[in-house]
Amino acid sequence: MDLKPIKTETDYRVALKRLEEVFDAELGTPESDELDILGLMVDDYENKHYPIEAPDPIEAIKIRMEEMHLKQVDLIPEIGGKSRVSEILNRKRRLTVDMIRRLATRLNLSANLLIKDYQLIK
């Protein structure tokens, strides 16, 4: 086990290749320990160099609707009226605090995600 910090893209690719090689290591072996350490180092490098932004509130709602096989009309109880749902999903109107509370519960989304600002389309 010759572990070195991941500082460059080349180091990262080498670490990924080694991760693949030891991926099925038997628990309790030196390779298993190497797998654990490599996994942490790769995760740290990816978080610093390839951060994934959370979707904006409207995208998050649309993604969850797709996952749950919901249509716009299914959100009428949470948003209030077919045209209001359309206005929200088409970014013509902002979510209210009450809508955020109801959507967070219905869609199992974080209220912190839903409260983020997003661009309206005029």
PDB file of N, CA and C in Angstrom:
ATOM      1  N   MET A   1       0.857  -1.184   0.000  1.00  0.00           N
ATOM      2  CA  MET A   1       0.000   0.000   0.000  1.00  0.00           C
ATOM      3  C   MET A   1       0.894   1.235   0.000  1.00  0.00           C
ATOM      4  N   ASP A   2       0.907   1.926  -1.130  1.00  0.00           N
ATOM      5  CA  ASP A   2       1.739   3.117  -1.298  1.00  0.00           C
ATOM      6  C   ASP A   2       0.822   4.307  -1.562  1.00  0.00           C
ATOM      7  N   LEU A   3       0.147   4.771  -0.514  1.00  0.00           N
ATOM      8  CA  LEU A   3      -0.827   5.852  -0.669  1.00  0.00           C
ATOM      9  C   LEU A   3      -0.157   7.213  -0.610  1.00  0.00           C
ATOM     10  N   LYS A   4      -0.567   8.082  -1.562  1.00  0.00           N
ATOM     11  CA  LYS A   4      -0.091   9.464  -1.597  1.00  0.00           C
ATOM     12  C   LYS A   4      -1.305  10.363  -1.745  1.00  0.00           C
ATOM     13  N   PRO A   5      -1.205  11.579  -1.232  1.00  0.00           N
ATOM     14  CA  PRO A   5      -2.341  12.501  -1.379  1.00  0.00           C
ATOM     15  C   PRO A   5      -2.677  12.728  -2.857  1.00  0.00           C
ATOM     16  N   ILE A   6      -3.941  12.980  -3.131  1.00  0.00           N
ATOM     17  CA  ILE A   6      -4.387  13.276  -4.493  1.00  0.00           C
ATOM     18  C   ILE A   6      -4.323  14.789  -4.664  1.00  0.00           C
ATOM     19  N   LYS A   7      -3.332  15.235  -5.461  1.00  0.00           N
ATOM     20  CA  LYS A   7      -3.136  16.676  -5.648  1.00  0.00           C
ATOM     21  C   LYS A   7      -3.414  17.130  -7.073  1.00  0.00           C
ATOM     22  N   THR A   8      -3.321  16.214  -8.024  1.00  0.00           N
ATOM     23  CA  THR A   8      -3.497  16.587  -9.432  1.00  0.00           C
ATOM     24  C   THR A   8      -4.525  15.674 -10.077  1.00  0.00           C
ATOM     25  N   GLU A   9      -4.928  16.039 -11.286  1.00  0.00           N
ATOM     26  CA  GLU A   9      -5.870  15.217 -12.044  1.00  0.00           C
ATOM     27  C   GLU A   9      -5.257  13.849 -12.349  1.00  0.00           C
ATOM     28  N   THR A  10      -3.947  13.822 -12.596  1.00  0.00           N
ATOM     29  CA  THR A  10      -3.254  12.552 -12.850  1.00  0.00           C
ATOM     30  C   THR A  10      -3.291  11.676 -11.607  1.00  0.00           C
ATOM     31  N   ASP A  11      -3.015  12.271 -10.437  1.00  0.00           N
ATOM     32  CA  ASP A  11      -3.099  11.520  -9.169  1.00  0.00           C
ATOM     33  C   ASP A  11      -4.503  10.945  -8.999  1.00  0.00           C
ATOM     34  N   TYR A  12      -5.501  11.755  -9.352  1.00  0.00           N
ATOM     35  CA  TYR A  12      -6.900  11.353  -9.219  1.00  0.00           C
ATOM     36  C   TYR A  12      -7.198  10.138 -10.101  1.00  0.00           C
ATOM     37  N   ARG A  13      -6.759  10.189 -11.371  1.00  0.00           N
ATOM     38  CA  ARG A  13      -7.002   9.067 -12.283  1.00  0.00           C
ATOM     39  C   ARG A  13      -6.297   7.798 -11.807  1.00  0.00           C
ATOM     40  N   VAL A  14      -5.073   7.939 -11.310  1.00  0.00           N
ATOM     41  CA  VAL A  14      -4.330   6.793 -10.772  1.00  0.00           C
ATOM     42  C   VAL A  14      -5.082   6.205  -9.567  1.00  0.00           C
ATOM     43  N   ALA A  15      -5.586   7.080  -8.703  1.00  0.00           N
ATOM     44  CA  ALA A  15      -6.329   6.621  -7.518  1.00  0.00           C
ATOM     45  C   ALA A  15      -7.607   5.888  -7.927  1.00  0.00           C
ATOM     46  N   LEU A  16      -8.322   6.404  -8.935  1.00  0.00           N
ATOM     47  CA  LEU A  16      -9.539   5.742  -9.413  1.00  0.00           C
ATOM     48  C   LEU A  16      -9.232   4.347  -9.962  1.00  0.00           C
ATOM     49  N   LYS A  17      -8.123   4.256 -10.695  1.00  0.00           N
ATOM     50  CA  LYS A  17      -7.730   2.959 -11.266  1.00  0.00           C
ATOM     51  C   LYS A  17      -7.426   1.966 -10.144  1.00  0.00           C
ATOM     52  N   ARG A  18      -6.688   2.428  -9.132  1.00  0.00           N
ATOM     53  CA  ARG A  18      -6.361   1.551  -8.013  1.00  0.00           C
ATOM     54  C   ARG A  18      -7.624   1.192  -7.226  1.00  0.00           C
ATOM     55  N   LEU A  19      -8.531   2.126  -7.098  1.00  0.00           N
ATOM     56  CA  LEU A  19      -9.798   1.876  -6.403  1.00  0.00           C
ATOM     57  C   LEU A  19     -10.543   0.726  -7.075  1.00  0.00           C
ATOM     58  N   GLU A  20     -10.559   0.728  -8.411  1.00  0.00           N
ATOM     59  CA  GLU A  20     -11.198  -0.369  -9.148  1.00  0.00           C
ATOM     60  C   GLU A  20     -10.516  -1.705  -8.857  1.00  0.00           C
ATOM     61  N   GLU A  21      -9.188  -1.678  -8.759  1.00  0.00           N
ATOM     62  CA  GLU A  21      -8.428  -2.911  -8.542  1.00  0.00           C
ATOM     63  C   GLU A  21      -8.702  -3.529  -7.180  1.00  0.00           C
ATOM     64  N   VAL A  22      -8.889  -2.706  -6.158  1.00  0.00           N
ATOM     65  CA  VAL A  22      -9.078  -3.226  -4.793  1.00  0.00           C
ATOM     66  C   VAL A  22     -10.544  -3.195  -4.356  1.00  0.00           C
ATOM     67  N   PHE A  23     -11.452  -2.882  -5.274  1.00  0.00           N
ATOM     68  CA  PHE A  23     -12.856  -2.680  -4.928  1.00  0.00           C
ATOM     69  C   PHE A  23     -13.483  -3.889  -4.222  1.00  0.00           C
ATOM     70  N   ASP A  24     -13.147  -5.077  -4.643  1.00  0.00           N
ATOM     71  CA  ASP A  24     -13.744  -6.282  -4.050  1.00  0.00           C
ATOM     72  C   ASP A  24     -12.861  -6.908  -2.981  1.00  0.00           C
ATOM     73  N   ALA A  25     -11.988  -6.121  -2.372  1.00  0.00           N
ATOM     74  CA  ALA A  25     -11.068  -6.645  -1.351  1.00  0.00           C
ATOM     75  C   ALA A  25     -11.850  -7.238  -0.180  1.00  0.00           C
ATOM     76  N   GLU A  26     -11.335  -8.323   0.328  1.00  0.00           N
ATOM     77  CA  GLU A  26     -11.955  -9.001   1.468  1.00  0.00           C
ATOM     78  C   GLU A  26     -11.753  -8.158   2.720  1.00  0.00           C
ATOM     79  N   LEU A  27     -12.810  -8.030   3.517  1.00  0.00           N
ATOM     80  CA  LEU A  27     -12.778  -7.242   4.742  1.00  0.00           C
ATOM     81  C   LEU A  27     -11.656  -7.728   5.657  1.00  0.00           C
ATOM     82  N   GLY A  28     -10.947  -6.772   6.244  1.00  0.00           N
ATOM     83  CA  GLY A  28      -9.877  -7.106   7.183  1.00  0.00           C
ATOM     84  C   GLY A  28      -8.511  -7.273   6.542  1.00  0.00           C
ATOM     85  N   THR A  29      -8.423  -7.158   5.225  1.00  0.00           N
ATOM     86  CA  THR A  29      -7.143  -7.296   4.527  1.00  0.00           C
ATOM     87  C   THR A  29      -6.515  -5.913   4.338  1.00  0.00           C
ATOM     88  N   PRO A  30      -5.205  -5.866   4.070  1.00  0.00           N
ATOM     89  CA  PRO A  30      -4.564  -4.570   3.785  1.00  0.00           C
ATOM     90  C   PRO A  30      -5.224  -3.858   2.601  1.00  0.00           C
ATOM     91  N   GLU A  31      -5.690  -4.624   1.600  1.00  0.00           N
ATOM     92  CA  GLU A  31      -6.360  -4.026   0.451  1.00  0.00           C
ATOM     93  C   GLU A  31      -7.684  -3.382   0.848  1.00  0.00           C
ATOM     94  N   SER A  32      -8.355  -3.991   1.799  1.00  0.00           N
ATOM     95  CA  SER A  32      -9.612  -3.433   2.298  1.00  0.00           C
ATOM     96  C   SER A  32      -9.358  -2.092   2.992  1.00  0.00           C
ATOM     97  N   ASP A  33      -8.276  -2.036   3.778  1.00  0.00           N
ATOM     98  CA  ASP A  33      -7.908  -0.773   4.432  1.00  0.00           C
ATOM     99  C   ASP A  33      -7.556   0.279   3.380  1.00  0.00           C
ATOM    100  N   GLU A  34      -6.817  -0.144   2.350  1.00  0.00           N
ATOM    101  CA  GLU A  34      -6.450   0.760   1.261  1.00  0.00           C
ATOM    102  C   GLU A  34      -7.702   1.281   0.562  1.00  0.00           C
ATOM    103  N   LEU A  35      -8.668   0.400   0.338  1.00  0.00           N
ATOM    104  CA  LEU A  35      -9.939   0.790  -0.285  1.00  0.00           C
ATOM    105  C   LEU A  35     -10.632   1.880   0.526  1.00  0.00           C
ATOM    106  N   ASP A  36     -10.682   1.704   1.835  1.00  0.00           N
ATOM    107  CA  ASP A  36     -11.320   2.700   2.706  1.00  0.00           C
ATOM    108  C   ASP A  36     -10.635   4.061   2.597  1.00  0.00           C
ATOM    109  N   ILE A  37      -9.312   4.048   2.665  1.00  0.00           N
ATOM    110  CA  ILE A  37      -8.550   5.302   2.628  1.00  0.00           C
ATOM    111  C   ILE A  37      -8.648   5.952   1.248  1.00  0.00           C
ATOM    112  N   LEU A  38      -8.488   5.145   0.200  1.00  0.00           N
ATOM    113  CA  LEU A  38      -8.606   5.676  -1.164  1.00  0.00           C
ATOM    114  C   LEU A  38      -9.981   6.283  -1.402  1.00  0.00           C
ATOM    115  N   GLY A  39     -11.009   5.606  -0.929  1.00  0.00           N
ATOM    116  CA  GLY A  39     -12.370   6.106  -1.091  1.00  0.00           C
ATOM    117  C   GLY A  39     -12.543   7.481  -0.465  1.00  0.00           C
ATOM    118  N   LEU A  40     -11.994   7.667   0.722  1.00  0.00           N
ATOM    119  CA  LEU A  40     -12.079   8.967   1.398  1.00  0.00           C
ATOM    120  C   LEU A  40     -11.313  10.044   0.630  1.00  0.00           C
ATOM    121  N   MET A  41     -10.122   9.677   0.141  1.00  0.00           N
ATOM    122  CA  MET A  41      -9.300  10.641  -0.592  1.00  0.00           C
ATOM    123  C   MET A  41      -9.959  11.032  -1.917  1.00  0.00           C
ATOM    124  N   VAL A  42     -10.500  10.056  -2.629  1.00  0.00           N
ATOM    125  CA  VAL A  42     -11.172  10.338  -3.899  1.00  0.00           C
ATOM    126  C   VAL A  42     -12.410  11.214  -3.655  1.00  0.00           C
ATOM    127  N   ASP A  43     -13.177  10.880  -2.634  1.00  0.00           N
ATOM    128  CA  ASP A  43     -14.371  11.661  -2.298  1.00  0.00           C
ATOM    129  C   ASP A  43     -14.003  13.111  -1.990  1.00  0.00           C
ATOM    130  N   ASP A  44     -12.941  13.307  -1.207  1.00  0.00           N
ATOM    131  CA  ASP A  44     -12.488  14.645  -0.859  1.00  0.00           C
ATOM    132  C   ASP A  44     -12.066  15.416  -2.108  1.00  0.00           C
ATOM    133  N   TYR A  45     -11.311  14.775  -2.990  1.00  0.00           N
ATOM    134  CA  TYR A  45     -10.859  15.420  -4.229  1.00  0.00           C
ATOM    135  C   TYR A  45     -12.058  15.802  -5.102  1.00  0.00           C
ATOM    136  N   GLU A  46     -13.008  14.882  -5.242  1.00  0.00           N
ATOM    137  CA  GLU A  46     -14.186  15.157  -6.071  1.00  0.00           C
ATOM    138  C   GLU A  46     -15.025  16.294  -5.500  1.00  0.00           C
ATOM    139  N   ASN A  47     -15.187  16.329  -4.184  1.00  0.00           N
ATOM    140  CA  ASN A  47     -15.961  17.415  -3.565  1.00  0.00           C
ATOM    141  C   ASN A  47     -15.318  18.776  -3.787  1.00  0.00           C
ATOM    142  N   LYS A  48     -13.982  18.803  -3.818  1.00  0.00           N
ATOM    143  CA  LYS A  48     -13.276  20.074  -4.025  1.00  0.00           C
ATOM    144  C   LYS A  48     -13.233  20.483  -5.495  1.00  0.00           C
ATOM    145  N   HIS A  49     -13.064  19.516  -6.393  1.00  0.00           N
ATOM    146  CA  HIS A  49     -12.844  19.830  -7.801  1.00  0.00           C
ATOM    147  C   HIS A  49     -14.060  19.626  -8.708  1.00  0.00           C
ATOM    148  N   TYR A  50     -15.017  18.864  -8.253  1.00  0.00           N
ATOM    149  CA  TYR A  50     -16.221  18.600  -9.053  1.00  0.00           C
ATOM    150  C   TYR A  50     -17.474  18.751  -8.193  1.00  0.00           C
ATOM    151  N   PRO A  51     -17.653  19.918  -7.573  1.00  0.00           N
ATOM    152  CA  PRO A  51     -18.827  20.073  -6.698  1.00  0.00           C
ATOM    153  C   PRO A  51     -20.119  19.974  -7.498  1.00  0.00           C
ATOM    154  N   ILE A  52     -21.115  19.381  -6.884  1.00  0.00           N
ATOM    155  CA  ILE A  52     -22.423  19.254  -7.522  1.00  0.00           C
ATOM    156  C   ILE A  52     -23.364  20.244  -6.852  1.00  0.00           C
ATOM    157  N   GLU A  53     -23.836  21.176  -7.637  1.00  0.00           N
ATOM    158  CA  GLU A  53     -24.766  22.171  -7.127  1.00  0.00           C
ATOM    159  C   GLU A  53     -26.153  21.542  -6.953  1.00  0.00           C
ATOM    160  N   ALA A  54     -26.808  21.917  -5.890  1.00  0.00           N
ATOM    161  CA  ALA A  54     -28.185  21.459  -5.702  1.00  0.00           C
ATOM    162  C   ALA A  54     -29.056  22.156  -6.752  1.00  0.00           C
ATOM    163  N   PRO A  55     -30.091  21.479  -7.233  1.00  0.00           N
ATOM    164  CA  PRO A  55     -30.967  22.124  -8.218  1.00  0.00           C
ATOM    165  C   PRO A  55     -31.719  23.282  -7.571  1.00  0.00           C
ATOM    166  N   ASP A  56     -32.174  24.218  -8.392  1.00  0.00           N
ATOM    167  CA  ASP A  56     -32.986  25.292  -7.834  1.00  0.00           C
ATOM    168  C   ASP A  56     -34.341  24.696  -7.436  1.00  0.00           C
ATOM    169  N   PRO A  57     -35.126  25.430  -6.657  1.00  0.00           N
ATOM    170  CA  PRO A  57     -36.383  24.872  -6.142  1.00  0.00           C
ATOM    171  C   PRO A  57     -37.313  24.312  -7.215  1.00  0.00           C
ATOM    172  N   ILE A  58     -37.450  25.009  -8.329  1.00  0.00           N
ATOM    173  CA  ILE A  58     -38.379  24.558  -9.368  1.00  0.00           C
ATOM    174  C   ILE A  58     -37.871  23.275 -10.019  1.00  0.00           C
ATOM    175  N   GLU A  59     -36.572  23.211 -10.296  1.00  0.00           N
ATOM    176  CA  GLU A  59     -35.999  21.982 -10.856  1.00  0.00           C
ATOM    177  C   GLU A  59     -36.161  20.822  -9.877  1.00  0.00           C
ATOM    178  N   ALA A  60     -35.942  21.090  -8.595  1.00  0.00           N
ATOM    179  CA  ALA A  60     -36.087  20.042  -7.575  1.00  0.00           C
ATOM    180  C   ALA A  60     -37.520  19.507  -7.558  1.00  0.00           C
ATOM    181  N   ILE A  61     -38.496  20.402  -7.651  1.00  0.00           N
ATOM    182  CA  ILE A  61     -39.903  19.987  -7.679  1.00  0.00           C
ATOM    183  C   ILE A  61     -40.174  19.133  -8.917  1.00  0.00           C
ATOM    184  N   LYS A  62     -39.688  19.589 -10.073  1.00  0.00           N
ATOM    185  CA  LYS A  62     -39.927  18.846 -11.323  1.00  0.00           C
ATOM    186  C   LYS A  62     -39.262  17.470 -11.288  1.00  0.00           C
ATOM    187  N   ILE A  63     -38.056  17.400 -10.756  1.00  0.00           N
ATOM    188  CA  ILE A  63     -37.354  16.113 -10.646  1.00  0.00           C
ATOM    189  C   ILE A  63     -38.151  15.165  -9.754  1.00  0.00           C
ATOM    190  N   ARG A  64     -38.597  15.684  -8.600  1.00  0.00           N
ATOM    191  CA  ARG A  64     -39.345  14.822  -7.668  1.00  0.00           C
ATOM    192  C   ARG A  64     -40.690  14.420  -8.254  1.00  0.00           C
ATOM    193  N   MET A  65     -41.332  15.320  -8.991  1.00  0.00           N
ATOM    194  CA  MET A  65     -42.601  14.981  -9.647  1.00  0.00           C
ATOM    195  C   MET A  65     -42.385  13.814 -10.607  1.00  0.00           C
ATOM    196  N   GLU A  66     -41.304  13.884 -11.364  1.00  0.00           N
ATOM    197  CA  GLU A  66     -40.994  12.807 -12.312  1.00  0.00           C
ATOM    198  C   GLU A  66     -40.733  11.492 -11.571  1.00  0.00           C
ATOM    199  N   GLU A  67     -39.950  11.569 -10.497  1.00  0.00           N
ATOM    200  CA  GLU A  67     -39.647  10.368  -9.712  1.00  0.00           C
ATOM    201  C   GLU A  67     -40.907   9.737  -9.130  1.00  0.00           C
ATOM    202  N   MET A  68     -41.852  10.593  -8.731  1.00  0.00           N
ATOM    203  CA  MET A  68     -43.084  10.114  -8.097  1.00  0.00           C
ATOM    204  C   MET A  68     -44.226   9.936  -9.102  1.00  0.00           C
ATOM    205  N   HIS A  69     -43.945  10.159 -10.398  1.00  0.00           N
ATOM    206  CA  HIS A  69     -44.936  10.032 -11.458  1.00  0.00           C
ATOM    207  C   HIS A  69     -46.153  10.924 -11.206  1.00  0.00           C
ATOM    208  N   LEU A  70     -45.863  12.179 -10.837  1.00  0.00           N
ATOM    209  CA  LEU A  70     -46.936  13.136 -10.570  1.00  0.00           C
ATOM    210  C   LEU A  70     -47.118  14.071 -11.763  1.00  0.00           C
ATOM    211  N   LYS A  71     -48.346  14.529 -11.936  1.00  0.00           N
ATOM    212  CA  LYS A  71     -48.665  15.527 -12.952  1.00  0.00           C
ATOM    213  C   LYS A  71     -48.885  16.857 -12.228  1.00  0.00           C
ATOM    214  N   GLN A  72     -48.956  17.934 -13.009  1.00  0.00           N
ATOM    215  CA  GLN A  72     -49.170  19.250 -12.403  1.00  0.00           C
ATOM    216  C   GLN A  72     -50.429  19.275 -11.539  1.00  0.00           C
ATOM    217  N   VAL A  73     -51.492  18.638 -12.011  1.00  0.00           N
ATOM    218  CA  VAL A  73     -52.757  18.659 -11.257  1.00  0.00           C
ATOM    219  C   VAL A  73     -52.615  18.005  -9.886  1.00  0.00           C
ATOM    220  N   ASP A  74     -51.631  17.108  -9.750  1.00  0.00           N
ATOM    221  CA  ASP A  74     -51.427  16.432  -8.462  1.00  0.00           C
ATOM    222  C   ASP A  74     -50.921  17.396  -7.385  1.00  0.00           C
ATOM    223  N   LEU A  75     -50.395  18.546  -7.796  1.00  0.00           N
ATOM    224  CA  LEU A  75     -49.864  19.511  -6.823  1.00  0.00           C
ATOM    225  C   LEU A  75     -50.847  20.626  -6.483  1.00  0.00           C
ATOM    226  N   ILE A  76     -52.072  20.542  -6.991  1.00  0.00           N
ATOM    227  CA  ILE A  76     -53.084  21.559  -6.684  1.00  0.00           C
ATOM    228  C   ILE A  76     -53.304  21.702  -5.171  1.00  0.00           C
ATOM    229  N   PRO A  77     -53.405  20.613  -4.405  1.00  0.00           N
ATOM    230  CA  PRO A  77     -53.614  20.787  -2.959  1.00  0.00           C
ATOM    231  C   PRO A  77     -52.472  21.552  -2.264  1.00  0.00           C
ATOM    232  N   GLU A  78     -51.258  21.404  -2.774  1.00  0.00           N
ATOM    233  CA  GLU A  78     -50.107  22.053  -2.133  1.00  0.00           C
ATOM    234  C   GLU A  78     -49.907  23.488  -2.624  1.00  0.00           C
ATOM    235  N   ILE A  79     -50.260  23.743  -3.889  1.00  0.00           N
ATOM    236  CA  ILE A  79     -49.978  25.053  -4.480  1.00  0.00           C
ATOM    237  C   ILE A  79     -51.238  25.887  -4.639  1.00  0.00           C
ATOM    238  N   GLY A  80     -52.369  25.247  -4.995  1.00  0.00           N
ATOM    239  CA  GLY A  80     -53.634  25.972  -5.066  1.00  0.00           C
ATOM    240  C   GLY A  80     -54.071  26.360  -6.455  1.00  0.00           C
ATOM    241  N   GLY A  81     -54.794  25.508  -7.130  1.00  0.00           N
ATOM    242  CA  GLY A  81     -55.340  25.825  -8.447  1.00  0.00           C
ATOM    243  C   GLY A  81     -54.409  25.436  -9.577  1.00  0.00           C
ATOM    244  N   LYS A  82     -55.049  24.980 -10.661  1.00  0.00           N
ATOM    245  CA  LYS A  82     -54.306  24.498 -11.827  1.00  0.00           C
ATOM    246  C   LYS A  82     -53.428  25.600 -12.429  1.00  0.00           C
ATOM    247  N   SER A  83     -53.972  26.811 -12.557  1.00  0.00           N
ATOM    248  CA  SER A  83     -53.197  27.902 -13.155  1.00  0.00           C
ATOM    249  C   SER A  83     -52.054  28.334 -12.235  1.00  0.00           C
ATOM    250  N   ARG A  84     -52.260  28.279 -10.937  1.00  0.00           N
ATOM    251  CA  ARG A  84     -51.206  28.646  -9.987  1.00  0.00           C
ATOM    252  C   ARG A  84     -50.055  27.645 -10.075  1.00  0.00           C
ATOM    253  N   VAL A  85     -50.371  26.358 -10.176  1.00  0.00           N
ATOM    254  CA  VAL A  85     -49.330  25.333 -10.317  1.00  0.00           C
ATOM    255  C   VAL A  85     -48.520  25.607 -11.584  1.00  0.00           C
ATOM    256  N   SER A  86     -49.204  25.892 -12.662  1.00  0.00           N
ATOM    257  CA  SER A  86     -48.549  26.189 -13.934  1.00  0.00           C
ATOM    258  C   SER A  86     -47.644  27.420 -13.812  1.00  0.00           C
ATOM    259  N   GLU A  87     -48.133  28.466 -13.164  1.00  0.00           N
ATOM    260  CA  GLU A  87     -47.334  29.686 -12.984  1.00  0.00           C
ATOM    261  C   GLU A  87     -46.062  29.402 -12.188  1.00  0.00           C
ATOM    262  N   ILE A  88     -46.179  28.601 -11.138  1.00  0.00           N
ATOM    263  CA  ILE A  88     -45.011  28.258 -10.306  1.00  0.00           C
ATOM    264  C   ILE A  88     -44.008  27.449 -11.128  1.00  0.00           C
ATOM    265  N   LEU A  89     -44.479  26.383 -11.777  1.00  0.00           N
ATOM    266  CA  LEU A  89     -43.578  25.499 -12.505  1.00  0.00           C
ATOM    267  C   LEU A  89     -42.978  26.149 -13.744  1.00  0.00           C
ATOM    268  N   ASN A  90     -43.639  27.192 -14.260  1.00  0.00           N
ATOM    269  CA  ASN A  90     -43.101  27.931 -15.405  1.00  0.00           C
ATOM    270  C   ASN A  90     -42.369  29.200 -14.973  1.00  0.00           C
ATOM    271  N   ARG A  91     -42.124  29.314 -13.663  1.00  0.00           N
ATOM    272  CA  ARG A  91     -41.323  30.408 -13.104  1.00  0.00           C
ATOM    273  C   ARG A  91     -41.937  31.793 -13.315  1.00  0.00           C
ATOM    274  N   LYS A  92     -43.258  31.843 -13.340  1.00  0.00           N
ATOM    275  CA  LYS A  92     -43.952  33.128 -13.497  1.00  0.00           C
ATOM    276  C   LYS A  92     -44.309  33.715 -12.134  1.00  0.00           C
ATOM    277  N   ARG A  93     -44.304  32.884 -11.106  1.00  0.00           N
ATOM    278  CA  ARG A  93     -44.709  33.289  -9.758  1.00  0.00           C
ATOM    279  C   ARG A  93     -43.802  32.579  -8.754  1.00  0.00           C
ATOM    280  N   ARG A  94     -43.567  33.220  -7.627  1.00  0.00           N
ATOM    281  CA  ARG A  94     -42.721  32.650  -6.570  1.00  0.00           C
ATOM    282  C   ARG A  94     -43.517  31.733  -5.639  1.00  0.00           C
ATOM    283  N   LEU A  95     -42.814  30.788  -5.065  1.00  0.00           N
ATOM    284  CA  LEU A  95     -43.404  29.936  -4.030  1.00  0.00           C
ATOM    285  C   LEU A  95     -43.638  30.770  -2.772  1.00  0.00           C
ATOM    286  N   THR A  96     -44.724  30.519  -2.078  1.00  0.00           N
ATOM    287  CA  THR A  96     -44.971  31.178  -0.791  1.00  0.00           C
ATOM    288  C   THR A  96     -44.481  30.249   0.317  1.00  0.00           C
ATOM    289  N   VAL A  97     -44.398  30.767   1.513  1.00  0.00           N
ATOM    290  CA  VAL A  97     -43.964  29.968   2.656  1.00  0.00           C
ATOM    291  C   VAL A  97     -44.914  28.784   2.870  1.00  0.00           C
ATOM    292  N   ASP A  98     -46.216  29.016   2.746  1.00  0.00           N
ATOM    293  CA  ASP A  98     -47.184  27.923   2.917  1.00  0.00           C
ATOM    294  C   ASP A  98     -47.004  26.850   1.850  1.00  0.00           C
ATOM    295  N   MET A  99     -46.785  27.275   0.608  1.00  0.00           N
ATOM    296  CA  MET A  99     -46.549  26.300  -0.469  1.00  0.00           C
ATOM    297  C   MET A  99     -45.303  25.469  -0.165  1.00  0.00           C
ATOM    298  N   ILE A 100     -44.252  26.147   0.271  1.00  0.00           N
ATOM    299  CA  ILE A 100     -42.992  25.457   0.587  1.00  0.00           C
ATOM    300  C   ILE A 100     -43.211  24.410   1.666  1.00  0.00           C
ATOM    301  N   ARG A 101     -43.949  24.779   2.698  1.00  0.00           N
ATOM    302  CA  ARG A 101     -44.230  23.812   3.786  1.00  0.00           C
ATOM    303  C   ARG A 101     -44.972  22.589   3.258  1.00  0.00           C
ATOM    304  N   ARG A 102     -46.014  22.836   2.474  1.00  0.00           N
ATOM    305  CA  ARG A 102     -46.818  21.720   1.963  1.00  0.00           C
ATOM    306  C   ARG A 102     -46.039  20.868   0.957  1.00  0.00           C
ATOM    307  N   LEU A 103     -45.268  21.522   0.080  1.00  0.00           N
ATOM    308  CA  LEU A 103     -44.473  20.784  -0.917  1.00  0.00           C
ATOM    309  C   LEU A 103     -43.359  19.972  -0.249  1.00  0.00           C
ATOM    310  N   ALA A 104     -42.738  20.537   0.768  1.00  0.00           N
ATOM    311  CA  ALA A 104     -41.669  19.820   1.480  1.00  0.00           C
ATOM    312  C   ALA A 104     -42.207  18.512   2.037  1.00  0.00           C
ATOM    313  N   THR A 105     -43.404  18.565   2.602  1.00  0.00           N
ATOM    314  CA  THR A 105     -44.023  17.360   3.157  1.00  0.00           C
ATOM    315  C   THR A 105     -44.455  16.404   2.052  1.00  0.00           C
ATOM    316  N   ARG A 106     -45.180  16.903   1.074  1.00  0.00           N
ATOM    317  CA  ARG A 106     -45.718  16.051   0.005  1.00  0.00           C
ATOM    318  C   ARG A 106     -44.622  15.391  -0.828  1.00  0.00           C
ATOM    319  N   LEU A 107     -43.577  16.173  -1.164  1.00  0.00           N
ATOM    320  CA  LEU A 107     -42.534  15.677  -2.058  1.00  0.00           C
ATOM    321  C   LEU A 107     -41.306  15.161  -1.313  1.00  0.00           C
ATOM    322  N   ASN A 108     -41.352  15.247   0.015  1.00  0.00           N
ATOM    323  CA  ASN A 108     -40.226  14.824   0.842  1.00  0.00           C
ATOM    324  C   ASN A 108     -38.942  15.538   0.404  1.00  0.00           C
ATOM    325  N   LEU A 109     -39.041  16.860   0.287  1.00  0.00           N
ATOM    326  CA  LEU A 109     -37.893  17.697  -0.065  1.00  0.00           C
ATOM    327  C   LEU A 109     -37.587  18.610   1.117  1.00  0.00           C
ATOM    328  N   SER A 110     -36.344  18.995   1.233  1.00  0.00           N
ATOM    329  CA  SER A 110     -35.929  19.902   2.297  1.00  0.00           C
ATOM    330  C   SER A 110     -36.525  21.291   2.059  1.00  0.00           C
ATOM    331  N   ALA A 111     -37.076  21.869   3.107  1.00  0.00           N
ATOM    332  CA  ALA A 111     -37.585  23.239   2.996  1.00  0.00           C
ATOM    333  C   ALA A 111     -36.431  24.193   2.669  1.00  0.00           C
ATOM    334  N   ASN A 112     -35.221  23.872   3.147  1.00  0.00           N
ATOM    335  CA  ASN A 112     -34.045  24.703   2.830  1.00  0.00           C
ATOM    336  C   ASN A 112     -33.783  24.743   1.331  1.00  0.00           C
ATOM    337  N   LEU A 113     -34.013  23.642   0.664  1.00  0.00           N
ATOM    338  CA  LEU A 113     -33.835  23.600  -0.789  1.00  0.00           C
ATOM    339  C   LEU A 113     -34.923  24.427  -1.470  1.00  0.00           C
ATOM    340  N   LEU A 114     -36.154  24.285  -1.006  1.00  0.00           N
ATOM    341  CA  LEU A 114     -37.284  24.966  -1.648  1.00  0.00           C
ATOM    342  C   LEU A 114     -37.301  26.470  -1.395  1.00  0.00           C
ATOM    343  N   ILE A 115     -36.646  26.906  -0.331  1.00  0.00           N
ATOM    344  CA  ILE A 115     -36.685  28.334   0.012  1.00  0.00           C
ATOM    345  C   ILE A 115     -35.636  29.138  -0.759  1.00  0.00           C
ATOM    346  N   LYS A 116     -34.710  28.454  -1.429  1.00  0.00           N
ATOM    347  CA  LYS A 116     -33.664  29.165  -2.189  1.00  0.00           C
ATOM    348  C   LYS A 116     -34.283  30.032  -3.277  1.00  0.00           C
ATOM    349  N   ASP A 117     -33.587  31.115  -3.570  1.00  0.00           N
ATOM    350  CA  ASP A 117     -34.055  32.045  -4.595  1.00  0.00           C
ATOM    351  C   ASP A 117     -33.888  31.412  -5.969  1.00  0.00           C
ATOM    352  N   TYR A 118     -34.713  31.799  -6.895  1.00  0.00           N
ATOM    353  CA  TYR A 118     -34.608  31.320  -8.269  1.00  0.00           C
ATOM    354  C   TYR A 118     -35.087  32.409  -9.207  1.00  0.00           C
ATOM    355  N   GLN A 119     -34.685  32.298 -10.451  1.00  0.00           N
ATOM    356  CA  GLN A 119     -34.988  33.305 -11.472  1.00  0.00           C
ATOM    357  C   GLN A 119     -36.432  33.168 -11.955  1.00  0.00           C
ATOM    358  N   LEU A 120     -37.150  34.274 -11.930  1.00  0.00           N
ATOM    359  CA  LEU A 120     -38.486  34.321 -12.515  1.00  0.00           C
ATOM    360  C   LEU A 120     -38.356  34.663 -13.989  1.00  0.00           C
ATOM    361  N   ILE A 121     -39.313  34.177 -14.781  1.00  0.00           N
ATOM    362  CA  ILE A 121     -39.348  34.484 -16.208  1.00  0.00           C
ATOM    363  C   ILE A 121     -40.523  35.420 -16.438  1.00  0.00           C
ATOM    364  N   LYS A 122     -40.225  36.583 -16.919  1.00  0.00           N
ATOM    365  CA  LYS A 122     -41.277  37.599 -17.124  1.00  0.00           C
ATOM    366  C   LYS A 122     -41.991  37.382 -18.432  1.00  0.00           C
TER     367      LYS A 122
END
